[in-house]
C-alpha cells in the first residue's frame, strides 16, 4: 500500500483495517495519534466513521459495530 511505503520513513507503527467498523473496534481497544480514512470503506465509509468518532469524543454515543 502507498500509505505504508510513505509512512515507513517515520518512527511510527502502522496498522490497517478493512472497514470503518474495524476502525471503531481498533479505537476502542487502544488510542491512536493519527488516522487516515478512505472514503470508500465497506460497511461504514470514512465519513460515517469520522462522524461516529467525533460524536463519541463530544460525549455522544458511538454506534456499536454491527457485522
Protein backbone atom coordinates (compact mmCIF):
# COMPACT_ATOMS: atom_id res chain seq x y z
CA UNK A 1 0.00 0.00 0.00
CA UNK A 2 1.14 3.52 -0.75
CA UNK A 3 0.46 4.72 2.80
CA UNK A 4 2.69 2.06 4.29
CA UNK A 5 5.54 2.98 1.92
CA UNK A 6 5.23 6.69 2.72
CA UNK A 7 4.97 6.19 6.47
CA UNK A 8 7.93 3.80 6.77
CA UNK A 9 10.22 6.85 6.90
CA UNK A 10 8.68 7.95 10.20
CA UNK A 11 9.15 6.37 13.62
CA UNK A 12 5.61 5.08 13.92
CA UNK A 13 3.62 1.88 13.97
CA UNK A 14 1.28 1.44 11.01
CA UNK A 15 -1.87 -0.63 11.22
CA UNK A 16 -4.53 -1.30 8.61
CA UNK A 17 -8.14 -2.41 8.86
CA UNK A 18 -10.69 -3.47 6.26
CA UNK A 19 -13.73 -1.39 7.22
CA UNK A 20 -14.99 1.57 9.20
CA UNK A 21 -16.41 -0.80 11.80
CA UNK A 22 -12.96 -2.29 12.26
CA UNK A 23 -11.65 1.25 12.87
CA UNK A 24 -14.12 1.69 15.74
CA UNK A 25 -13.09 -1.69 17.19
CA UNK A 26 -9.41 -0.75 16.99
CA UNK A 27 -10.00 2.66 18.62
CA UNK A 28 -11.99 1.04 21.43
CA UNK A 29 -9.01 -1.24 22.14
CA UNK A 30 -6.29 1.45 22.13
CA UNK A 31 -5.89 5.17 21.42
CA UNK A 32 -4.26 6.27 18.16
CA UNK A 33 -2.50 9.53 17.27
CA UNK A 34 -3.33 9.59 13.56
CA UNK A 35 -5.99 8.04 11.35
CA UNK A 36 -6.03 8.01 7.57
CA UNK A 37 -9.51 7.07 6.39
CA UNK A 38 -10.62 6.01 2.94
CA UNK A 39 -13.99 7.37 1.90
CA UNK A 40 -14.94 4.10 0.18
CA UNK A 41 -14.51 1.62 3.04
CA UNK A 42 -17.03 -1.22 3.23
CA UNK A 43 -19.78 -1.47 5.89
CA UNK A 44 -19.16 2.08 7.15
CA UNK A 45 -17.42 4.61 4.89
CA UNK A 46 -14.77 7.07 6.05
CA UNK A 47 -17.20 9.94 6.55
CA UNK A 48 -19.59 7.82 8.64
CA UNK A 49 -16.63 6.53 10.65
CA UNK A 50 -15.37 10.07 11.30
CA UNK A 51 -18.85 11.18 12.41
CA UNK A 52 -19.02 8.26 14.86
CA UNK A 53 -15.57 9.08 16.26
CA UNK A 54 -16.40 12.78 16.65
CA UNK A 55 -19.76 12.01 18.23
CA UNK A 56 -18.07 9.77 20.77
CA UNK A 57 -15.38 12.39 21.51
CA UNK A 58 -18.06 15.02 22.14
CA UNK A 59 -19.83 12.84 24.71
CA UNK A 60 -22.19 11.20 22.27
CA UNK A 61 -22.64 7.52 21.72
CA UNK A 62 -20.66 5.70 19.10
CA UNK A 63 -22.90 3.19 17.37
CA UNK A 64 -21.84 -0.34 18.25
CA UNK A 65 -20.20 -2.27 15.44
CA UNK A 66 -22.75 -4.35 13.55
CA UNK A 67 -21.48 -7.13 11.35
